[in-house]
Amino acid sequence: MRSDLTRSPESTLANTLTPAALAPNLSDDERNNIEIYQMGYDFFFGASPRQSGIGSGAIIDTQGRIVTNYHVISDAERIEVTLPDKTKHVAKVVGSDPNNDLAVIKIDVPRGGVTAIPLGTSKGLQVGQKVLAIGNPYGLDRTLTTGIISSLGRAIQGENGREIEDMIQTDASINHGNSGGPLLNNQGQIIGINTAILSPSDTGSIGIGFAIPVDTVRRITGDLITIGYVRHPWLGVRSLALEDFPGLSRALRLDTDRGLMIVTVLPNSPAAQGGIRGATQEIIVGNYRVPAGGDVLLALQGKELRSRDDLPTEVDRYKPGDKVTVTILRAGQKMDLPIVLQEAPRQ
């Protein structure tokens, strides 16, 4: 499909296209790819964090702020950004969020300014929709690859072990060095930040890449720019999943084999203030000594909780100060407890 930018009489981009882009033997799709690549040349950058190798990113405002992946800059002593005109600039970290693998860095705006990437939306995306990725795979700067959205709502494990939900899966070739670069729609708008590949050897693309949706990026970067971190909510419990310990439900004579057995309730936490109770004894299950006797957390706001990853994932859908309802099993009785979430302590 041809881009709206090509059709619009108000677009100035067509005036700057190369002869190749205007050649009559090119298909609409090829023209669209060339057009988006040329437009992306201004807002894309390459990052070279010392010790961490090469990454990518996108300029998000005219003040020189840039969004990339947290894992691109996390171990860097120095971050060097290469702009389209080949000039290099030292960047400083504005804020980062390991939970969502996002970071904002900033350069001093050079003479002539910088161009910010057009922001799209990740709402309404469809499987089969065309996408384009720009990045620095293996140090090959400003490489364009194309593909489609292969699936939506995927969950992958982030750098810190936390699950990142609602990821965009694409078959556009994404390799090492693409991390932090933009995933674009056919209008040249960013719809995601490329963040991971699935590869048996972890060396290259096999047609399964993942991007963080731009609506998540927009929400997270707002906090990163204003306060330097993201105010994540927390419940304040340590738990174990019943399904991880076969026989535990039977040993405790529980009416369910699903849910999270509360092991510890942290002092002064939202869970403690809301009346959730932790373990009171230990029992032997197989070869394990297991804390028992605490509440079993069944659901949060009606969402069933089965694995330990489910709880932080569901809690993170809310903000500190939000009131949620947790469903627990206590002494054979189900009950609902209102909990006011608080800001998680910073590590």
C-alpha atoms as a PDB file:
ATOM      1  CA  MET A   1       0.000   0.000   0.000  1.00  0.00           C
ATOM      2  CA  ARG A   2       1.255   3.454  -0.876  1.00  0.00           C
ATOM      3  CA  SER A   3       1.950   5.865   1.956  1.00  0.00           C
ATOM      4  CA  ASP A   4      -0.414   8.739   2.682  1.00  0.00           C
ATOM      5  CA  LEU A   5       2.680  10.936   2.639  1.00  0.00           C
ATOM      6  CA  THR A   6       3.168  10.150  -1.039  1.00  0.00           C
ATOM      7  CA  ARG A   7      -0.424  10.986  -1.920  1.00  0.00           C
ATOM      8  CA  SER A   8      -0.704  14.153   0.144  1.00  0.00           C
ATOM      9  CA  PRO A   9      -0.171  17.403  -1.816  1.00  0.00           C
ATOM     10  CA  GLU A  10       1.022  18.991   1.426  1.00  0.00           C
ATOM     11  CA  SER A  11       3.934  16.605   1.764  1.00  0.00           C
ATOM     12  CA  THR A  12       7.318  18.171   1.090  1.00  0.00           C
ATOM     13  CA  LEU A  13       9.020  14.795   1.193  1.00  0.00           C
ATOM     14  CA  ALA A  14       8.283  14.024  -2.470  1.00  0.00           C
ATOM     15  CA  ASN A  15      10.326  17.071  -3.465  1.00  0.00           C
ATOM     16  CA  THR A  16      13.444  15.573  -1.899  1.00  0.00           C
ATOM     17  CA  LEU A  17      13.115  12.012  -3.213  1.00  0.00           C
ATOM     18  CA  THR A  18      15.969  10.562  -5.245  1.00  0.00           C
ATOM     19  CA  PRO A  19      15.445   9.760  -8.936  1.00  0.00           C
ATOM     20  CA  ALA A  20      15.265   6.091  -7.977  1.00  0.00           C
ATOM     21  CA  ALA A  21      12.271   6.740  -5.763  1.00  0.00           C
ATOM     22  CA  LEU A  22      10.503   8.521  -8.601  1.00  0.00           C
ATOM     23  CA  ALA A  23      11.385   5.975 -11.284  1.00  0.00           C
ATOM     24  CA  PRO A  24       8.271   4.726 -13.097  1.00  0.00           C
ATOM     25  CA  ASN A  25       9.318   1.066 -12.889  1.00  0.00           C
ATOM     26  CA  LEU A  26       9.079   0.991  -9.084  1.00  0.00           C
ATOM     27  CA  SER A  27       6.008  -0.420  -7.390  1.00  0.00           C
ATOM     28  CA  ASP A  28       4.039   1.619  -4.903  1.00  0.00           C
ATOM     29  CA  ASP A  29       5.418  -0.591  -2.147  1.00  0.00           C
ATOM     30  CA  GLU A  30       9.009   0.018  -3.233  1.00  0.00           C
ATOM     31  CA  ARG A  31       8.435   3.763  -3.401  1.00  0.00           C
ATOM     32  CA  ASN A  32       6.928   3.602   0.059  1.00  0.00           C
ATOM     33  CA  ASN A  33       9.974   1.785   1.446  1.00  0.00           C
ATOM     34  CA  ILE A  34      12.382   4.308  -0.099  1.00  0.00           C
ATOM     35  CA  GLU A  35      10.328   7.227   1.135  1.00  0.00           C
ATOM     36  CA  ILE A  36      10.209   5.972   4.709  1.00  0.00           C
ATOM     37  CA  TYR A  37      13.923   5.168   4.717  1.00  0.00           C
ATOM     38  CA  GLN A  38      14.790   8.678   3.566  1.00  0.00           C
ATOM     39  CA  MET A  39      12.464  10.207   6.139  1.00  0.00           C
ATOM     40  CA  GLY A  40      13.885   7.979   8.863  1.00  0.00           C
ATOM     41  CA  TYR A  41      17.407   9.099   8.061  1.00  0.00           C
ATOM     42  CA  ASP A  42      16.887  12.273  10.078  1.00  0.00           C
ATOM     43  CA  PHE A  43      15.510  10.864  13.319  1.00  0.00           C
ATOM     44  CA  PHE A  44      17.442   7.605  13.561  1.00  0.00           C
ATOM     45  CA  PHE A  45      20.756   7.357  15.366  1.00  0.00           C
ATOM     46  CA  GLY A  46      23.398   4.801  16.203  1.00  0.00           C
ATOM     47  CA  ALA A  47      24.664   4.415  19.761  1.00  0.00           C
ATOM     48  CA  SER A  48      28.041   3.043  20.752  1.00  0.00           C
ATOM     49  CA  PRO A  49      28.104   2.444  24.514  1.00  0.00           C
ATOM     50  CA  ARG A  50      31.622   1.670  25.685  1.00  0.00           C
ATOM     51  CA  GLN A  51      31.774  -1.977  26.846  1.00  0.00           C
ATOM     52  CA  SER A  52      28.278  -2.779  25.577  1.00  0.00           C
ATOM     53  CA  GLY A  53      28.823  -2.658  21.812  1.00  0.00           C
ATOM     54  CA  ILE A  54      26.411  -1.114  19.341  1.00  0.00           C
ATOM     55  CA  GLY A  55      22.750  -0.236  19.594  1.00  0.00           C
ATOM     56  CA  SER A  56      20.123   1.922  17.954  1.00  0.00           C
ATOM     57  CA  GLY A  57      17.523   4.461  18.945  1.00  0.00           C
ATOM     58  CA  ALA A  58      15.195   7.235  17.826  1.00  0.00           C
ATOM     59  CA  ILE A  59      15.129  10.969  18.511  1.00  0.00           C
ATOM     60  CA  ILE A  60      11.817  11.776  20.196  1.00  0.00           C
ATOM     61  CA  ASP A  61      11.966  15.559  20.543  1.00  0.00           C
ATOM     62  CA  THR A  62      13.833  18.597  19.282  1.00  0.00           C
ATOM     63  CA  GLN A  63      15.605  18.982  22.641  1.00  0.00           C
ATOM     64  CA  GLY A  64      17.844  16.042  21.752  1.00  0.00           C
ATOM     65  CA  ARG A  65      16.148  13.343  23.818  1.00  0.00           C
ATOM     66  CA  ILE A  66      16.478   9.841  22.440  1.00  0.00           C
ATOM     67  CA  VAL A  67      14.666   6.619  23.319  1.00  0.00           C
ATOM     68  CA  THR A  68      16.484   3.300  23.255  1.00  0.00           C
ATOM     69  CA  ASN A  69      16.579   0.013  25.151  1.00  0.00           C
ATOM     70  CA  TYR A  70      17.786  -0.126  28.731  1.00  0.00           C
ATOM     71  CA  HIS A  71      20.016  -3.087  27.923  1.00  0.00           C
ATOM     72  CA  VAL A  72      21.804  -1.025  25.266  1.00  0.00           C
ATOM     73  CA  ILE A  73      23.101   1.506  27.798  1.00  0.00           C
ATOM     74  CA  SER A  74      22.903  -0.299  31.150  1.00  0.00           C
ATOM     75  CA  ASP A  75      26.601  -1.201  31.457  1.00  0.00           C
ATOM     76  CA  ALA A  76      28.000   1.724  29.512  1.00  0.00           C
ATOM     77  CA  GLU A  77      30.686   3.982  30.958  1.00  0.00           C
ATOM     78  CA  ARG A  78      30.237   6.380  28.053  1.00  0.00           C
ATOM     79  CA  ILE A  79      27.524   6.621  25.392  1.00  0.00           C
ATOM     80  CA  GLU A  80      28.408   8.008  21.994  1.00  0.00           C
ATOM     81  CA  VAL A  81      25.669   8.868  19.508  1.00  0.00           C
ATOM     82  CA  THR A  82      26.286   9.080  15.767  1.00  0.00           C
ATOM     83  CA  LEU A  83      23.817  11.314  13.922  1.00  0.00           C
ATOM     84  CA  PRO A  84      22.905  11.008  10.224  1.00  0.00           C
ATOM     85  CA  ASP A  85      25.529  13.609   9.267  1.00  0.00           C
ATOM     86  CA  LYS A  86      28.156  11.284  10.817  1.00  0.00           C
ATOM     87  CA  THR A  87      28.874  13.680  13.696  1.00  0.00           C
ATOM     88  CA  LYS A  88      29.392  12.019  17.070  1.00  0.00           C
ATOM     89  CA  HIS A  89      27.946  13.312  20.322  1.00  0.00           C
ATOM     90  CA  VAL A  90      28.318  12.177  23.916  1.00  0.00           C
ATOM     91  CA  ALA A  91      24.959  11.378  25.507  1.00  0.00           C
ATOM     92  CA  LYS A  92      23.904  11.366  29.137  1.00  0.00           C
ATOM     93  CA  VAL A  93      21.236   9.137  30.652  1.00  0.00           C
ATOM     94  CA  VAL A  94      18.012  10.977  31.508  1.00  0.00           C
ATOM     95  CA  GLY A  95      16.215   7.985  32.991  1.00  0.00           C
ATOM     96  CA  SER A  96      15.789   4.241  32.626  1.00  0.00           C
ATOM     97  CA  ASP A  97      13.291   1.500  33.388  1.00  0.00           C
ATOM     98  CA  PRO A  98      14.717  -2.046  33.482  1.00  0.00           C
ATOM     99  CA  ASN A  99      11.235  -3.527  33.927  1.00  0.00           C
ATOM    100  CA  ASN A 100      10.232  -2.389  30.446  1.00  0.00           C
ATOM    101  CA  ASP A 101      13.740  -2.369  28.938  1.00  0.00           C
ATOM    102  CA  LEU A 102      13.519   1.326  28.054  1.00  0.00           C
ATOM    103  CA  ALA A 103      15.821   4.285  28.551  1.00  0.00           C
ATOM    104  CA  VAL A 104      15.953   7.937  27.557  1.00  0.00           C
ATOM    105  CA  ILE A 105      19.288   9.555  26.824  1.00  0.00           C
ATOM    106  CA  LYS A 106      20.058  13.117  25.720  1.00  0.00           C
ATOM    107  CA  ILE A 107      22.600  14.901  23.580  1.00  0.00           C
ATOM    108  CA  ASP A 108      23.328  18.602  23.305  1.00  0.00           C
ATOM    109  CA  VAL A 109      21.432  19.735  20.230  1.00  0.00           C
ATOM    110  CA  PRO A 110      23.899  20.516  17.441  1.00  0.00           C
ATOM    111  CA  ARG A 111      23.728  23.621  15.289  1.00  0.00           C
ATOM    112  CA  GLY A 112      20.938  23.097  12.800  1.00  0.00           C
ATOM    113  CA  GLY A 113      18.853  21.147  15.298  1.00  0.00           C
ATOM    114  CA  VAL A 114      17.576  17.590  15.195  1.00  0.00           C
ATOM    115  CA  THR A 115      14.462  15.992  13.722  1.00  0.00           C
ATOM    116  CA  ALA A 116      12.070  14.109  16.015  1.00  0.00           C
ATOM    117  CA  ILE A 117      10.473  10.862  14.920  1.00  0.00           C
ATOM    118  CA  PRO A 118       6.749  11.027  14.035  1.00  0.00           C
ATOM    119  CA  LEU A 119       4.847   9.175  16.765  1.00  0.00           C
ATOM    120  CA  GLY A 120       2.154   6.749  15.726  1.00  0.00           C
ATOM    121  CA  THR A 121       0.009   4.562  17.952  1.00  0.00           C
ATOM    122  CA  SER A 122       0.034   0.865  18.721  1.00  0.00           C
ATOM    123  CA  LYS A 123      -3.738   0.807  19.097  1.00  0.00           C
ATOM    124  CA  GLY A 124      -5.527  -0.855  16.228  1.00  0.00           C
ATOM    125  CA  LEU A 125      -2.501  -2.722  14.902  1.00  0.00           C
ATOM    126  CA  GLN A 126      -3.360  -5.805  12.877  1.00  0.00           C
ATOM    127  CA  VAL A 127      -1.548  -9.072  12.254  1.00  0.00           C
ATOM    128  CA  GLY A 128      -0.380  -8.955   8.646  1.00  0.00           C
ATOM    129  CA  GLN A 129       0.202  -5.198   8.670  1.00  0.00           C
ATOM    130  CA  LYS A 130       3.408  -4.070   6.940  1.00  0.00           C
ATOM    131  CA  VAL A 131       6.217  -2.789   9.176  1.00  0.00           C
ATOM    132  CA  LEU A 132       9.745  -1.504   8.641  1.00  0.00           C
ATOM    133  CA  ALA A 133      12.708  -1.656  11.017  1.00  0.00           C
ATOM    134  CA  ILE A 134      15.733   0.636  10.993  1.00  0.00           C
ATOM    135  CA  GLY A 135      18.830  -0.255  12.957  1.00  0.00           C
ATOM    136  CA  ASN A 136      22.558  -0.961  13.121  1.00  0.00           C
ATOM    137  CA  PRO A 137      22.714  -4.762  12.779  1.00  0.00           C
ATOM    138  CA  TYR A 138      26.298  -5.862  13.433  1.00  0.00           C
ATOM    139  CA  GLY A 139      27.404  -2.239  13.096  1.00  0.00           C
ATOM    140  CA  LEU A 140      25.960  -1.807   9.579  1.00  0.00           C
ATOM    141  CA  ASP A 141      24.442   1.589  10.220  1.00  0.00           C
ATOM    142  CA  ARG A 142      21.037   2.695   8.956  1.00  0.00           C
ATOM    143  CA  THR A 143      19.954  -0.703   7.680  1.00  0.00           C
ATOM    144  CA  LEU A 144      16.312  -0.978   6.600  1.00  0.00           C
ATOM    145  CA  THR A 145      14.406  -4.259   6.759  1.00  0.00           C
ATOM    146  CA  THR A 146      10.739  -4.888   6.055  1.00  0.00           C
ATOM    147  CA  GLY A 147       8.186  -7.428   7.137  1.00  0.00           C
ATOM    148  CA  ILE A 148       4.781  -7.778   8.711  1.00  0.00           C
ATOM    149  CA  ILE A 149       3.296  -7.936  12.179  1.00  0.00           C
ATOM    150  CA  SER A 150       3.305 -11.668  12.883  1.00  0.00           C
ATOM    151  CA  SER A 151       1.444 -11.564  16.195  1.00  0.00           C
ATOM    152  CA  LEU A 152       0.337  -9.200  18.948  1.00  0.00           C
ATOM    153  CA  GLY A 153       0.211  -9.407  22.728  1.00  0.00           C
ATOM    154  CA  ARG A 154       3.304 -11.572  23.096  1.00  0.00           C
ATOM    155  CA  ALA A 155       5.158 -11.789  26.409  1.00  0.00           C
ATOM    156  CA  ILE A 156       8.945 -12.090  26.654  1.00  0.00           C
ATOM    157  CA  GLN A 157      11.397 -12.119  29.532  1.00  0.00           C
ATOM    158  CA  GLY A 158      13.220  -8.836  30.004  1.00  0.00           C
ATOM    159  CA  GLU A 159      16.839  -8.242  30.935  1.00  0.00           C
ATOM    160  CA  ASN A 160      16.039  -8.231  34.668  1.00  0.00           C
ATOM    161  CA  GLY A 161      13.978 -11.411  34.505  1.00  0.00           C
ATOM    162  CA  ARG A 162      10.637  -9.601  34.609  1.00  0.00           C
ATOM    163  CA  GLU A 163       8.088 -10.435  31.954  1.00  0.00           C
ATOM    164  CA  ILE A 164       7.332  -7.720  29.406  1.00  0.00           C
ATOM    165  CA  GLU A 165       3.807  -8.055  28.059  1.00  0.00           C
ATOM    166  CA  ASP A 166       1.913  -6.895  24.970  1.00  0.00           C
ATOM    167  CA  MET A 167       4.943  -7.103  22.696  1.00  0.00           C
ATOM    168  CA  ILE A 168       4.664  -6.811  18.925  1.00  0.00           C
ATOM    169  CA  GLN A 169       6.055  -9.844  17.093  1.00  0.00           C
ATOM    170  CA  THR A 170       7.436  -9.220  13.603  1.00  0.00           C
ATOM    171  CA  ASP A 171       9.250 -11.128  10.880  1.00  0.00           C
ATOM    172  CA  ALA A 172      11.166  -8.006   9.812  1.00  0.00           C
ATOM    173  CA  SER A 173      14.807  -9.012  10.165  1.00  0.00           C
ATOM    174  CA  ILE A 174      16.093  -7.814  13.543  1.00  0.00           C
ATOM    175  CA  ASN A 175      19.645  -8.633  14.584  1.00  0.00           C
ATOM    176  CA  HIS A 176      22.143  -7.602  17.248  1.00  0.00           C
ATOM    177  CA  GLY A 177      22.592  -3.867  16.911  1.00  0.00           C
ATOM    178  CA  ASN A 178      18.930  -3.272  16.072  1.00  0.00           C
ATOM    179  CA  SER A 179      18.040  -3.008  19.763  1.00  0.00           C
ATOM    180  CA  GLY A 180      16.496   0.359  20.561  1.00  0.00           C
ATOM    181  CA  GLY A 181      15.723   1.194  16.950  1.00  0.00           C
ATOM    182  CA  PRO A 182      12.265   2.121  15.661  1.00  0.00           C
ATOM    183  CA  LEU A 183       9.649  -0.179  14.182  1.00  0.00           C
ATOM    184  CA  LEU A 184       7.643   1.904  11.705  1.00  0.00           C
ATOM    185  CA  ASN A 185       4.306   1.659   9.943  1.00  0.00           C
ATOM    186  CA  ASN A 186       3.958   2.384   6.230  1.00  0.00           C
ATOM    187  CA  GLN A 187       3.456   6.075   6.968  1.00  0.00           C
ATOM    188  CA  GLY A 188       6.860   6.337   8.607  1.00  0.00           C
ATOM    189  CA  GLN A 189       5.438   6.652  12.121  1.00  0.00           C
ATOM    190  CA  ILE A 190       6.994   4.768  15.000  1.00  0.00           C
ATOM    191  CA  ILE A 191       4.772   2.010  16.358  1.00  0.00           C
ATOM    192  CA  GLY A 192       7.356   0.244  18.505  1.00  0.00           C
ATOM    193  CA  ILE A 193      10.934   0.004  19.760  1.00  0.00           C
ATOM    194  CA  ASN A 194      12.778  -3.103  18.582  1.00  0.00           C
ATOM    195  CA  THR A 195      14.102  -4.916  21.599  1.00  0.00           C
ATOM    196  CA  ALA A 196      14.704  -8.645  21.154  1.00  0.00           C
ATOM    197  CA  ILE A 197      15.095 -11.548  18.784  1.00  0.00           C
ATOM    198  CA  LEU A 198      14.349 -15.227  19.209  1.00  0.00           C
ATOM    199  CA  SER A 199      17.219 -17.293  17.850  1.00  0.00           C
ATOM    200  CA  PRO A 200      18.366 -20.821  18.762  1.00  0.00           C
ATOM    201  CA  SER A 201      21.998 -19.692  18.834  1.00  0.00           C
ATOM    202  CA  ASP A 202      21.304 -16.088  19.871  1.00  0.00           C
ATOM    203  CA  THR A 203      23.452 -14.955  16.943  1.00  0.00           C
ATOM    204  CA  GLY A 204      20.996 -13.754  14.337  1.00  0.00           C
ATOM    205  CA  SER A 205      17.468 -13.372  13.119  1.00  0.00           C
ATOM    206  CA  ILE A 206      15.261 -16.323  12.224  1.00  0.00           C
ATOM    207  CA  GLY A 207      12.272 -14.152  11.480  1.00  0.00           C
ATOM    208  CA  ILE A 208      11.041 -13.746  15.046  1.00  0.00           C
ATOM    209  CA  GLY A 209      11.625 -10.305  16.510  1.00  0.00           C
ATOM    210  CA  PHE A 210       9.866  -8.297  19.190  1.00  0.00           C
ATOM    211  CA  ALA A 211       9.136  -4.620  19.710  1.00  0.00           C
ATOM    212  CA  ILE A 212       7.772  -2.643  22.654  1.00  0.00           C
ATOM    213  CA  PRO A 213       4.509  -0.927  21.586  1.00  0.00           C
ATOM    214  CA  VAL A 214       4.844   2.825  21.140  1.00  0.00           C
ATOM    215  CA  ASP A 215       1.920   3.536  23.479  1.00  0.00           C
ATOM    216  CA  THR A 216       3.908   1.824  26.237  1.00  0.00           C
ATOM    217  CA  VAL A 217       6.998   3.774  25.185  1.00  0.00           C
ATOM    218  CA  ARG A 218       5.075   7.054  25.342  1.00  0.00           C
ATOM    219  CA  ARG A 219       3.766   6.274  28.839  1.00  0.00           C
ATOM    220  CA  ILE A 220       7.132   5.175  30.203  1.00  0.00           C
ATOM    221  CA  THR A 221       9.241   7.938  28.672  1.00  0.00           C
ATOM    222  CA  GLY A 222       6.985  10.582  30.203  1.00  0.00           C
ATOM    223  CA  ASP A 223       8.112   9.501  33.682  1.00  0.00           C
ATOM    224  CA  LEU A 224      11.710   9.005  32.598  1.00  0.00           C
ATOM    225  CA  ILE A 225      11.923  12.567  31.312  1.00  0.00           C
ATOM    226  CA  THR A 226      10.204  14.213  34.284  1.00  0.00           C
ATOM    227  CA  ILE A 227      11.577  12.237  37.254  1.00  0.00           C
ATOM    228  CA  GLY A 228      14.208   9.908  35.784  1.00  0.00           C
ATOM    229  CA  TYR A 229      12.491   6.639  36.669  1.00  0.00           C
ATOM    230  CA  VAL A 230       9.088   4.962  36.525  1.00  0.00           C
ATOM    231  CA  ARG A 231       6.869   4.900  39.596  1.00  0.00           C
ATOM    232  CA  HIS A 232       5.974   1.217  39.656  1.00  0.00           C
ATOM    233  CA  PRO A 233       3.311   0.004  42.100  1.00  0.00           C
ATOM    234  CA  TRP A 234       3.807  -2.957  44.392  1.00  0.00           C
ATOM    235  CA  LEU A 235       1.838  -5.236  46.668  1.00  0.00           C
ATOM    236  CA  GLY A 236       4.641  -6.236  49.036  1.00  0.00           C
ATOM    237  CA  VAL A 237       4.477 -10.017  49.266  1.00  0.00           C
ATOM    238  CA  ARG A 238       6.700 -12.987  48.582  1.00  0.00           C
ATOM    239  CA  SER A 239       4.888 -16.024  47.268  1.00  0.00           C
ATOM    240  CA  LEU A 240       5.169 -19.432  45.661  1.00  0.00           C
ATOM    241  CA  ALA A 241       2.962 -20.882  42.945  1.00  0.00           C
ATOM    242  CA  LEU A 242       0.903 -23.895  43.987  1.00  0.00           C
ATOM    243  CA  GLU A 243       1.333 -25.447  40.552  1.00  0.00           C
ATOM    244  CA  ASP A 244       5.113 -25.500  41.099  1.00  0.00           C
ATOM    245  CA  PHE A 245       4.711 -27.860  44.066  1.00  0.00           C
ATOM    246  CA  PRO A 246       2.576 -30.878  43.119  1.00  0.00           C
ATOM    247  CA  GLY A 247       0.958 -32.298  46.202  1.00  0.00           C
ATOM    248  CA  LEU A 248       1.034 -29.059  48.195  1.00  0.00           C
ATOM    249  CA  SER A 249      -2.652 -28.346  47.683  1.00  0.00           C
ATOM    250  CA  ARG A 250      -3.554 -31.858  48.742  1.00  0.00           C
ATOM    251  CA  ALA A 251      -1.266 -31.714  51.772  1.00  0.00           C
ATOM    252  CA  LEU A 252      -2.914 -28.462  52.884  1.00  0.00           C
ATOM    253  CA  ARG A 253      -6.391 -29.700  51.955  1.00  0.00           C
ATOM    254  CA  LEU A 254      -6.985 -26.699  49.751  1.00  0.00           C
ATOM    255  CA  ASP A 255      -9.932 -26.443  47.403  1.00  0.00           C
ATOM    256  CA  THR A 256      -7.675 -25.288  44.570  1.00  0.00           C
ATOM    257  CA  ASP A 257      -4.378 -26.252  42.991  1.00  0.00           C
ATOM    258  CA  ARG A 258      -3.967 -22.832  41.401  1.00  0.00           C
ATOM    259  CA  GLY A 259      -2.926 -19.566  42.945  1.00  0.00           C
ATOM    260  CA  LEU A 260      -0.044 -18.070  44.894  1.00  0.00           C
ATOM    261  CA  MET A 261       0.662 -19.175  48.446  1.00  0.00           C
ATOM    262  CA  ILE A 262       1.733 -16.103  50.405  1.00  0.00           C
ATOM    263  CA  VAL A 263       5.037 -16.815  52.135  1.00  0.00           C
ATOM    264  CA  THR A 264       5.909 -13.387  53.529  1.00  0.00           C
ATOM    265  CA  VAL A 265       4.071 -10.102  53.849  1.00  0.00           C
ATOM    266  CA  LEU A 266       6.558  -7.238  54.006  1.00  0.00           C
ATOM    267  CA  PRO A 267       6.097  -4.775  56.894  1.00  0.00           C
ATOM    268  CA  ASN A 268       4.165  -1.589  56.118  1.00  0.00           C
ATOM    269  CA  SER A 269       3.477  -2.800  52.590  1.00  0.00           C
ATOM    270  CA  PRO A 270       0.101  -2.410  50.840  1.00  0.00           C
ATOM    271  CA  ALA A 271      -0.510  -6.118  51.475  1.00  0.00           C
ATOM    272  CA  ALA A 272       0.166  -5.723  55.206  1.00  0.00           C
ATOM    273  CA  GLN A 273      -2.109  -2.701  55.429  1.00  0.00           C
ATOM    274  CA  GLY A 274      -4.790  -4.553  53.487  1.00  0.00           C
ATOM    275  CA  GLY A 275      -4.802  -7.561  55.811  1.00  0.00           C
ATOM    276  CA  ILE A 276      -3.099 -10.230  53.709  1.00  0.00           C
ATOM    277  CA  ARG A 277      -1.481 -12.921  55.862  1.00  0.00           C
ATOM    278  CA  GLY A 278       1.771 -14.801  55.314  1.00  0.00           C
ATOM    279  CA  ALA A 279       2.909 -18.327  56.169  1.00  0.00           C
ATOM    280  CA  THR A 280       2.599 -19.609  59.737  1.00  0.00           C
ATOM    281  CA  GLN A 281       4.299 -23.006  59.450  1.00  0.00           C
ATOM    282  CA  GLU A 282       6.507 -25.217  57.321  1.00  0.00           C
ATOM    283  CA  ILE A 283       5.569 -28.603  55.896  1.00  0.00           C
ATOM    284  CA  ILE A 284       7.493 -31.242  53.973  1.00  0.00           C
ATOM    285  CA  VAL A 285       6.314 -31.812  50.405  1.00  0.00           C
ATOM    286  CA  GLY A 286       8.430 -34.422  48.646  1.00  0.00           C
ATOM    287  CA  ASN A 287      12.014 -33.293  49.116  1.00  0.00           C
ATOM    288  CA  TYR A 288      11.092 -29.696  49.882  1.00  0.00           C
ATOM    289  CA  ARG A 289      10.426 -27.808  53.092  1.00  0.00           C
ATOM    290  CA  VAL A 290       7.642 -25.423  52.100  1.00  0.00           C
ATOM    291  CA  PRO A 291       6.233 -22.416  54.025  1.00  0.00           C
ATOM    292  CA  ALA A 292       2.501 -22.899  54.451  1.00  0.00           C
ATOM    293  CA  GLY A 293      -0.535 -21.585  56.263  1.00  0.00           C
ATOM    294  CA  GLY A 294      -0.665 -18.207  54.552  1.00  0.00           C
ATOM    295  CA  ASP A 295      -3.401 -16.819  52.378  1.00  0.00           C
ATOM    296  CA  VAL A 296      -3.653 -18.123  48.830  1.00  0.00           C
ATOM    297  CA  LEU A 297      -3.851 -15.278  46.356  1.00  0.00           C
ATOM    298  CA  LEU A 298      -6.277 -16.320  43.621  1.00  0.00           C
ATOM    299  CA  ALA A 299      -6.882 -13.182  41.567  1.00  0.00           C
ATOM    300  CA  LEU A 300      -6.217  -9.465  41.285  1.00  0.00           C
ATOM    301  CA  GLN A 301      -9.056  -7.387  39.872  1.00  0.00           C
ATOM    302  CA  GLY A 302     -10.606 -10.605  38.614  1.00  0.00           C
ATOM    303  CA  LYS A 303      -7.474 -11.739  36.759  1.00  0.00           C
ATOM    304  CA  GLU A 304      -6.470 -15.264  37.757  1.00  0.00           C
ATOM    305  CA  LEU A 305      -2.985 -15.640  39.228  1.00  0.00           C
ATOM    306  CA  ARG A 306      -1.171 -18.906  38.583  1.00  0.00           C
ATOM    307  CA  SER A 307       2.557 -18.290  38.215  1.00  0.00           C
ATOM    308  CA  ARG A 308       4.827 -16.018  40.243  1.00  0.00           C
ATOM    309  CA  ASP A 309       5.268 -13.829  37.172  1.00  0.00           C
ATOM    310  CA  ASP A 310       1.522 -13.195  37.003  1.00  0.00           C
ATOM    311  CA  LEU A 311       1.443 -11.021  40.123  1.00  0.00           C
ATOM    312  CA  PRO A 312       3.993  -8.328  39.159  1.00  0.00           C
ATOM    313  CA  THR A 313       2.581  -8.312  35.639  1.00  0.00           C
ATOM    314  CA  GLU A 314      -0.951  -7.612  36.843  1.00  0.00           C
ATOM    315  CA  VAL A 315       0.105  -5.128  39.523  1.00  0.00           C
ATOM    316  CA  ASP A 316       2.128  -3.186  36.960  1.00  0.00           C
ATOM    317  CA  ARG A 317      -1.046  -2.429  35.017  1.00  0.00           C
ATOM    318  CA  TYR A 318      -1.928   0.092  37.725  1.00  0.00           C
ATOM    319  CA  LYS A 319      -0.406   3.182  39.286  1.00  0.00           C
ATOM    320  CA  PRO A 320       0.640   3.900  42.869  1.00  0.00           C
ATOM    321  CA  GLY A 321      -2.470   5.078  44.711  1.00  0.00           C
ATOM    322  CA  ASP A 322      -4.865   2.899  42.719  1.00  0.00           C
ATOM    323  CA  LYS A 323      -7.248   0.697  44.700  1.00  0.00           C
ATOM    324  CA  VAL A 324      -7.478  -2.923  43.575  1.00  0.00           C
ATOM    325  CA  THR A 325      -9.384  -5.945  44.831  1.00  0.00           C
ATOM    326  CA  VAL A 326      -7.498  -9.149  45.552  1.00  0.00           C
ATOM    327  CA  THR A 327      -9.306 -12.447  45.911  1.00  0.00           C
ATOM    328  CA  ILE A 328      -7.811 -14.789  48.488  1.00  0.00           C
ATOM    329  CA  LEU A 329      -8.491 -18.201  49.950  1.00  0.00           C
ATOM    330  CA  ARG A 330      -8.238 -18.295  53.751  1.00  0.00           C
ATOM    331  CA  ALA A 331      -9.250 -21.261  55.915  1.00  0.00           C
ATOM    332  CA  GLY A 332     -11.293 -22.660  53.061  1.00  0.00           C
ATOM    333  CA  GLN A 333     -13.195 -19.431  52.471  1.00  0.00           C
ATOM    334  CA  LYS A 334     -12.872 -17.109  49.503  1.00  0.00           C
ATOM    335  CA  MET A 335     -12.854 -13.420  50.286  1.00  0.00           C
ATOM    336  CA  ASP A 336     -12.110 -10.131  48.571  1.00  0.00           C
ATOM    337  CA  LEU A 337      -9.774  -7.583  50.126  1.00  0.00           C
ATOM    338  CA  PRO A 338      -9.385  -3.968  48.953  1.00  0.00           C
ATOM    339  CA  ILE A 339      -5.746  -2.943  48.590  1.00  0.00           C
ATOM    340  CA  VAL A 340      -4.341   0.518  47.893  1.00  0.00           C
ATOM    341  CA  LEU A 341      -1.157   0.101  45.866  1.00  0.00           C
ATOM    342  CA  GLN A 342       1.913   2.111  46.818  1.00  0.00           C
ATOM    343  CA  GLU A 343       5.058   3.076  44.958  1.00  0.00           C
ATOM    344  CA  ALA A 344       7.568   0.245  44.969  1.00  0.00           C
ATOM    345  CA  PRO A 345      10.817   0.938  46.828  1.00  0.00           C
ATOM    346  CA  ARG A 346      13.594   1.771  44.394  1.00  0.00           C
ATOM    347  CA  GLN A 347      16.377  -0.774  44.208  1.00  0.00           C
END
